[in-house]
Protein backbone atom coordinates (compact mmCIF):
# COMPACT_ATOMS: atom_id res chain seq x y z
CA MET A 1 -50.98 51.90 -20.29
CA GLU A 2 -47.26 52.21 -19.74
CA ILE A 3 -45.33 49.96 -22.14
CA THR A 4 -41.72 48.79 -22.32
CA GLN A 5 -40.44 47.33 -25.59
CA ILE A 6 -37.12 45.48 -25.75
CA ASN A 7 -35.10 42.68 -27.35
CA LEU A 8 -33.62 40.64 -24.49
CA ASN A 9 -31.17 38.77 -26.74
CA HIS A 10 -32.16 35.49 -25.07
CA CYS A 11 -30.34 36.58 -21.89
CA ASP A 12 -31.42 35.44 -18.42
CA THR A 13 -29.90 38.44 -16.65
CA ALA A 14 -31.56 40.86 -19.09
CA GLN A 15 -34.94 39.25 -18.42
CA GLN A 16 -34.43 39.48 -14.66
CA LEU A 17 -33.52 43.16 -15.01
CA LEU A 18 -36.64 43.76 -17.10
CA TRP A 19 -38.79 42.48 -14.21
CA GLN A 20 -37.07 44.88 -11.80
CA SER A 21 -37.29 47.78 -14.25
CA MET A 22 -41.03 47.22 -14.78
CA THR A 23 -41.50 47.35 -11.02
CA GLU A 24 -39.52 50.59 -10.66
CA THR A 25 -41.17 52.36 -13.60
CA LYS A 26 -44.68 51.03 -12.88
CA CYS A 27 -44.85 49.55 -16.36
CA ASP A 28 -48.01 47.65 -17.32
CA VAL A 29 -46.97 45.73 -20.44
CA ALA A 30 -43.68 44.49 -21.90
CA ILE A 31 -43.39 43.79 -25.63
CA ILE A 32 -40.44 41.41 -25.84
CA SER A 33 -38.31 40.06 -28.67
CA GLU A 34 -36.04 37.09 -27.92
CA PRO A 35 -36.99 36.47 -24.28
CA TYR A 36 -34.78 34.14 -22.29
CA GLN A 37 -37.74 32.04 -21.21
CA VAL A 38 -41.52 32.24 -21.33
CA PRO A 39 -42.93 30.66 -18.14
CA PRO A 40 -45.34 27.83 -19.09
CA ASP A 41 -49.01 28.05 -18.04
CA ASN A 42 -48.56 31.59 -16.75
CA GLY A 43 -51.49 33.90 -17.50
CA ASN A 44 -49.22 36.96 -17.36
CA TRP A 45 -47.24 35.74 -20.38
CA VAL A 46 -48.07 34.80 -23.98
CA SER A 47 -45.70 34.08 -26.89
CA ASP A 48 -45.60 32.90 -30.48
CA ARG A 49 -45.05 29.18 -31.10
CA THR A 50 -41.26 29.57 -31.19
CA GLY A 51 -41.01 31.60 -27.97
CA MET A 52 -39.13 34.37 -29.80
CA ALA A 53 -41.86 37.04 -29.55
CA ALA A 54 -43.66 37.52 -26.24
CA ILE A 55 -45.93 39.79 -24.24
CA HIS A 56 -45.70 40.09 -20.46
CA VAL A 57 -48.28 41.96 -18.36
CA MET A 58 -47.63 43.25 -14.90
CA GLY A 59 -49.85 45.58 -12.94
CA ARG A 60 -53.31 46.91 -13.62
CA PHE A 61 -54.27 45.25 -16.90
CA PRO A 62 -54.50 41.47 -17.44
CA ILE A 63 -54.51 39.69 -20.79
CA GLN A 64 -58.16 39.74 -21.87
CA GLU A 65 -57.80 37.56 -24.95
CA VAL A 66 -55.03 35.73 -26.81
CA VAL A 67 -55.78 36.56 -30.43
CA GLU A 68 -52.86 34.70 -32.04
CA SER A 69 -50.04 32.61 -30.59
CA ALA A 70 -49.71 29.73 -33.06
CA SER A 71 -47.80 31.68 -35.71
CA GLU A 72 -44.05 32.21 -35.98
CA GLY A 73 -42.57 35.66 -35.52
CA PHE A 74 -45.48 37.43 -33.82
CA VAL A 75 -48.04 37.12 -31.03
CA ILE A 76 -51.21 39.17 -30.52
CA ALA A 77 -53.12 39.72 -27.28
CA LYS A 78 -55.93 42.05 -26.27
CA ILE A 79 -55.05 44.12 -23.20
CA ASN A 80 -57.26 46.86 -21.78
CA GLY A 81 -59.17 46.96 -25.07
CA VAL A 82 -56.00 47.38 -27.16
CA PHE A 83 -54.66 44.72 -29.54
CA VAL A 84 -50.97 44.46 -28.66
CA CYS A 85 -48.65 42.70 -31.13
CA SER A 86 -45.07 41.67 -30.29
CA CYS A 87 -42.78 40.73 -33.20
CA TYR A 88 -39.36 39.28 -33.86
CA THR A 89 -38.07 38.55 -37.35
CA PRO A 90 -34.50 37.19 -37.18
CA PRO A 91 -31.90 38.38 -39.71
CA ARG A 92 -31.44 34.82 -41.01
CA TRP A 93 -34.90 34.87 -42.61
CA THR A 94 -35.09 35.31 -46.35
CA VAL A 95 -36.98 38.25 -47.81
CA GLU A 96 -39.70 35.84 -48.91
CA GLN A 97 -40.17 34.42 -45.41
CA PHE A 98 -40.15 37.94 -43.93
CA SER A 99 -42.85 39.02 -46.37
CA GLN A 100 -45.01 35.95 -45.69
CA VAL A 101 -44.95 36.49 -41.91
CA LEU A 102 -45.94 40.14 -42.30
CA GLU A 103 -48.82 39.12 -44.54
CA GLN A 104 -50.03 36.70 -41.86
CA LEU A 105 -49.69 39.43 -39.22
CA THR A 106 -51.69 42.01 -41.17
CA ASN A 107 -54.41 39.45 -41.98
CA LYS A 108 -54.83 38.77 -38.25
CA LEU A 109 -55.04 42.48 -37.39
CA ILE A 110 -57.28 43.75 -40.19
CA GLY A 111 -60.53 44.93 -38.63
CA ARG A 112 -59.08 45.01 -35.11
CA LYS A 113 -58.61 48.45 -33.56
CA PRO A 114 -56.89 50.06 -31.77
CA VAL A 115 -53.58 48.31 -32.23
CA VAL A 116 -49.96 48.60 -31.09
CA ILE A 117 -47.23 46.74 -32.99
CA GLY A 118 -43.69 46.63 -31.63
CA GLY A 119 -40.61 44.53 -32.05
CA ASP A 120 -37.21 43.90 -33.57
CA PHE A 121 -37.82 43.55 -37.32
CA ASN A 122 -34.14 43.73 -38.34
CA ALA A 123 -35.28 46.19 -40.99
CA TRP A 124 -33.70 49.50 -41.96
CA ALA A 125 -35.56 52.57 -43.21
CA VAL A 126 -34.74 56.26 -43.29
CA GLU A 127 -38.25 56.90 -41.90
CA TRP A 128 -37.13 55.66 -38.46
CA GLY A 129 -33.59 56.98 -38.54
CA SER A 130 -31.55 54.48 -40.56
CA ARG A 131 -29.00 55.71 -43.09
CA VAL A 132 -30.70 53.81 -45.92
CA THR A 133 -33.84 51.81 -46.56
CA ASN A 134 -33.29 48.12 -47.30
CA ALA A 135 -35.66 45.54 -48.79
CA ARG A 136 -37.08 44.63 -45.39
CA GLY A 137 -37.75 48.28 -44.64
CA TYR A 138 -39.81 48.71 -47.82
CA ILE A 139 -41.73 45.48 -47.21
CA LEU A 140 -42.52 46.37 -43.60
CA GLN A 141 -43.89 49.79 -44.47
CA GLU A 142 -46.00 48.49 -47.34
CA ALA A 143 -47.43 45.64 -45.25
CA LEU A 144 -48.43 47.79 -42.29
CA ALA A 145 -49.94 50.47 -44.53
CA LYS A 146 -52.94 48.14 -44.83
CA LEU A 147 -53.65 48.62 -41.11
CA GLU A 148 -53.77 52.42 -41.07
CA VAL A 149 -51.13 52.64 -38.36
CA ARG A 150 -48.52 55.34 -37.94
CA LEU A 151 -44.82 55.10 -37.10
CA CYS A 152 -44.12 56.04 -33.47
CA ASN A 153 -40.30 56.17 -33.49
CA GLU A 154 -38.95 59.63 -32.74
CA GLY A 155 -35.42 60.95 -33.10
CA SER A 156 -32.39 58.99 -34.27
CA VAL A 157 -31.17 57.25 -31.10
CA ASN A 158 -29.83 53.79 -31.89
CA THR A 159 -31.70 50.91 -30.27
CA PHE A 160 -29.05 48.26 -31.03
CA ARG A 161 -25.50 48.76 -29.75
CA LYS A 162 -22.77 46.14 -29.77
CA ASP A 163 -19.00 46.38 -30.20
CA GLY A 164 -19.17 49.67 -32.02
CA ARG A 165 -22.00 48.54 -34.32
CA GLU A 166 -25.19 50.56 -33.91
CA SER A 167 -28.53 50.67 -35.69
CA ILE A 168 -32.24 51.32 -35.29
CA ILE A 169 -34.06 48.00 -35.76
CA ASP A 170 -36.60 48.15 -32.91
CA VAL A 171 -39.71 49.83 -34.29
CA THR A 172 -43.16 50.75 -32.98
CA PHE A 173 -46.41 51.38 -34.86
CA CYS A 174 -49.86 52.20 -33.45
CA SER A 175 -53.34 53.34 -34.41
CA PRO A 176 -53.55 57.14 -34.80
CA ASN A 177 -55.96 57.56 -31.86
CA LEU A 178 -53.34 56.07 -29.50
CA ALA A 179 -50.51 58.35 -30.56
CA ALA A 180 -51.57 61.40 -28.53
CA ASN A 181 -49.35 61.94 -25.46
CA MET A 182 -47.41 58.78 -26.33
CA ASN A 183 -44.00 60.15 -25.29
CA TRP A 184 -42.05 57.47 -27.21
CA LYS A 185 -38.37 57.40 -26.23
CA VAL A 186 -35.32 55.16 -26.17
CA SER A 187 -34.18 54.66 -22.59
CA GLU A 188 -30.51 54.93 -21.61
CA GLU A 189 -30.94 52.63 -18.60
CA TYR A 190 -28.69 49.57 -18.39
CA THR A 191 -30.43 46.44 -19.74
CA HIS A 192 -27.64 43.79 -19.94
CA SER A 193 -28.80 43.24 -23.53
CA ASP A 194 -27.32 44.61 -26.75
CA HIS A 195 -30.63 46.43 -27.26
CA GLN A 196 -31.92 49.47 -25.39
CA ALA A 197 -35.39 49.49 -23.86
CA ILE A 198 -38.08 51.71 -25.38
CA HIS A 199 -40.69 53.30 -23.13
CA TYR A 200 -44.00 54.82 -24.19
CA ARG A 201 -47.54 55.39 -23.04
CA ILE A 202 -50.80 54.76 -24.89
CA GLY A 203 -54.16 56.21 -23.94
CA GLN A 204 -54.75 58.98 -21.46
CA ARG A 205 -52.73 59.17 -18.29
CA THR A 206 -54.81 58.88 -15.15
CA PRO A 207 -55.13 62.44 -13.80
CA VAL A 208 -53.27 63.10 -10.59
CA ALA A 209 -55.54 64.27 -7.80
CA THR A 210 -54.67 67.75 -6.62
CA ARG A 211 -56.69 67.49 -3.42
CA ARG A 212 -56.26 64.86 -0.76
CA SER A 213 -59.19 63.32 1.05
CA ILE A 214 -60.02 64.56 4.51
CA THR A 215 -58.51 61.39 5.93
CA ASP A 216 -55.13 61.82 4.12
CA GLY A 217 -55.47 58.31 2.77
CA ARG A 218 -56.22 56.72 6.15
CA LYS A 219 -58.98 54.14 6.25
CA TRP A 220 -60.98 52.35 8.90
CA LYS A 221 -62.75 49.01 9.20
CA THR A 222 -66.35 50.13 8.92
CA LYS A 223 -67.65 46.78 10.16
CA THR A 224 -66.49 47.81 13.63
CA PHE A 225 -68.44 51.10 13.48
CA ASN A 226 -70.49 51.92 16.59
CA LYS A 227 -73.01 54.70 16.01
CA ASP A 228 -73.61 55.60 19.66
CA LEU A 229 -69.89 55.71 20.42
CA PHE A 230 -69.26 57.83 17.33
CA ILE A 231 -71.91 60.41 18.38
CA GLU A 232 -70.47 60.53 21.87
CA ALA A 233 -66.95 61.03 20.55
CA LEU A 234 -68.15 63.97 18.46
CA ARG A 235 -69.74 65.79 21.37
CA PRO A 236 -67.89 69.12 21.80
CA ASP A 237 -65.87 69.53 24.97
CA GLY A 238 -66.26 73.26 24.54
CA GLY A 239 -68.10 75.69 22.33
CA VAL A 240 -68.73 75.03 18.67
CA ASP A 241 -68.69 78.63 17.57
CA ASN A 242 -66.38 79.61 14.71
CA ILE A 243 -65.08 76.05 14.18
CA ASP A 244 -62.96 75.89 11.01
CA ALA A 245 -62.39 73.10 8.51
CA THR A 246 -59.09 72.01 10.08
CA GLU A 247 -60.63 71.58 13.50
CA LEU A 248 -63.64 69.76 12.04
CA LYS A 249 -61.29 67.38 10.23
CA ARG A 250 -59.33 66.72 13.43
CA ARG A 251 -62.49 65.94 15.42
CA MET A 252 -63.84 63.64 12.71
CA MET A 253 -60.62 61.67 12.58
CA MET A 254 -60.49 61.36 16.37
CA ALA A 255 -64.10 60.15 16.43
CA CYS A 256 -63.32 57.58 13.74
CA ASP A 257 -60.27 56.38 15.65
CA THR A 258 -62.37 56.06 18.79
CA THR A 259 -65.12 54.16 17.02
CA MET A 260 -63.37 51.95 14.47
CA LEU A 261 -60.17 49.98 14.00
CA ARG A 262 -57.73 51.19 11.39
CA LYS A 263 -57.24 49.22 8.18
CA SER A 264 -53.75 47.93 7.58
CA GLU A 265 -51.68 49.65 4.92
CA PRO A 266 -52.39 48.25 1.43
CA THR A 267 -49.75 45.95 0.03
CA ASN A 268 -47.84 47.05 -3.04
CA SER A 269 -48.69 44.87 -6.04
CA ARG A 270 -45.45 45.94 -7.69
CA ARG A 271 -42.93 44.57 -5.27
CA PRO A 272 -39.29 44.47 -6.36
CA ALA A 273 -37.85 41.13 -7.42
CA TYR A 274 -37.38 39.08 -4.26
CA TRP A 275 -33.61 38.92 -4.85
CA TRP A 276 -33.06 42.65 -5.56
CA ASN A 277 -30.93 44.66 -3.11
CA GLU A 278 -28.94 47.87 -2.77
CA THR A 279 -25.72 46.20 -3.87
CA LEU A 280 -27.33 45.28 -7.18
CA SER A 281 -28.56 48.84 -7.65
CA THR A 282 -24.99 50.08 -7.17
CA LEU A 283 -23.53 47.49 -9.56
CA ARG A 284 -26.17 48.26 -12.20
CA ALA A 285 -25.22 51.94 -12.04
CA ALA A 286 -21.55 50.98 -12.33
CA CYS A 287 -22.32 48.96 -15.48
CA LEU A 288 -24.10 51.93 -17.01
CA ARG A 289 -21.15 54.25 -16.27
CA ALA A 290 -18.63 51.75 -17.64
CA ARG A 291 -20.64 51.26 -20.82
CA ARG A 292 -20.92 55.00 -21.42
CA ARG A 293 -17.17 55.44 -20.91
CA ALA A 294 -16.51 52.63 -23.40
CA GLN A 295 -18.80 54.23 -25.97
CA ARG A 296 -17.01 57.58 -25.62
CA ALA A 297 -13.51 56.15 -26.04
CA ARG A 298 -11.55 57.53 -28.99
CA THR A 299 -8.10 56.00 -29.19
CA GLU A 300 -7.47 52.27 -29.61
CA THR A 301 -5.84 52.11 -26.19
CA GLU A 302 -8.82 53.82 -24.55
CA ILE A 303 -11.27 51.60 -26.38
CA GLU A 304 -9.59 48.38 -25.24
CA GLU A 305 -9.12 49.55 -21.64
CA ARG A 306 -12.68 50.76 -21.25
CA LYS A 307 -14.18 47.72 -22.93
CA SER A 308 -12.24 45.56 -20.49
CA ALA A 309 -13.54 47.64 -17.56
CA PHE A 310 -17.09 47.28 -18.88
CA ARG A 311 -16.74 43.51 -19.20
CA GLU A 312 -15.51 43.32 -15.61
CA ALA A 313 -18.45 45.43 -14.41
CA ARG A 314 -20.89 43.21 -16.31
CA SER A 315 -19.37 40.06 -14.86
CA ALA A 316 -19.48 41.42 -11.31
CA PHE A 317 -23.11 42.43 -11.73
CA LYS A 318 -24.13 39.08 -13.20
CA LEU A 319 -22.27 37.19 -10.47
CA GLU A 320 -23.95 39.23 -7.72
CA ILE A 321 -27.38 38.51 -9.22
CA LYS A 322 -26.67 34.78 -9.12
CA ARG A 323 -25.35 35.03 -5.57
CA SER A 324 -28.33 37.06 -4.37
CA LYS A 325 -30.86 34.74 -6.03
CA SER A 326 -29.18 31.70 -4.51
CA ASN A 327 -29.08 33.21 -1.01
CA CYS A 328 -32.68 34.42 -1.22
CA TYR A 329 -33.88 31.07 -2.49
CA LYS A 330 -32.26 29.29 0.45
CA ARG A 331 -33.81 31.82 2.83
CA LEU A 332 -37.26 31.34 1.31
CA CYS A 333 -36.93 27.58 1.68
CA ARG A 334 -36.11 27.96 5.36
CA GLU A 335 -38.95 30.41 5.95
CA ALA A 336 -41.45 28.22 4.10
CA ASP A 337 -41.19 25.58 6.82
CA ALA A 338 -42.20 28.08 9.50
CA ASN A 339 -44.61 30.19 7.42
CA PRO A 340 -45.92 28.42 4.29
CA TRP A 341 -48.09 31.43 3.36
CA GLY A 342 -45.30 34.01 3.53
CA ASP A 343 -42.88 35.33 0.90
CA ALA A 344 -42.14 31.85 -0.46
CA TYR A 345 -45.84 31.36 -1.26
CA ARG A 346 -46.02 34.80 -2.92
CA VAL A 347 -43.02 34.07 -5.17
CA VAL A 348 -44.44 30.71 -6.25
CA VAL A 349 -47.90 32.12 -7.00
CA ALA A 350 -46.37 34.90 -9.10
CA LYS A 351 -44.77 32.26 -11.32
CA ILE A 352 -47.82 30.06 -11.89
CA LYS A 353 -50.65 32.44 -12.71
CA VAL A 354 -53.35 30.57 -14.62
CA ARG A 355 -53.85 31.80 -18.19
CA PRO A 356 -57.40 33.07 -18.85
CA PRO A 357 -59.50 31.10 -21.38
């Protein structure tokens, strides 16, 4: 499974960008801290009772079981045989409350394997790249040691960046058997949040086929197959001596075309967000460039100028998202009158998936 882990900072634009990013990267699961909104009665989403820790699935693997969603600070769901836990422990919590929530989390996960735990714990530890280890860092490591999980963070890239303040507070743990070929990394893509996204993979990647089928991916409606017509279409119009594989393939495909109707191209289950367009792609890239320039500024004058340019780029991007969503919504409303089962129906269905029992 391909997983994205991120703190959205309760930002609508950041959550909309996450949807688009999951589509572009073919991500299966998002482990989310501080989502903007968890859609109610949507089987692709599950959250803790406060809505501050959430899991969103998109793609090949549905939520098989909701293990825990009544607690505060974490949610657990079984996805493709893996127990996925999303966490968020706000900095306002006392050490005692932090410790109690971690105890509840470990009690829920003891005996359940394999497991992935990710989230914003607001904890520092030198083990995952912080300058020092604070009380939360010690408590977190001691609590999760009961589960026989290993730390997945690699390198020292900061996951939280805001106004010159940077730290590593987004952490991932998993069962040892899931760590192979994980490829854990902090993404530099623009998120519109003060946290960077983390991408990683668990389990074995599906092997890429090195040989294509003889039909090059083309398919036919076999219900329309006519045996007599197929045999007639295969009759050689010349000799059959020394026929090679390429010629045999060509004749087979022609006979199939003669005998059966072609299937339509399969629809892509990972369509971009209905409001996404090329202008937004350009503005997102501009935001990323402006942010990088601001981070590299040295003098006070440079810092202020580049921060101002970044704020302008962010505002333009956010405004264009609102404009595009508004225009697309109006278009969908108009089209729904003429074609109720078109794009408008698809968008609505995507928002009201029924949660499995």
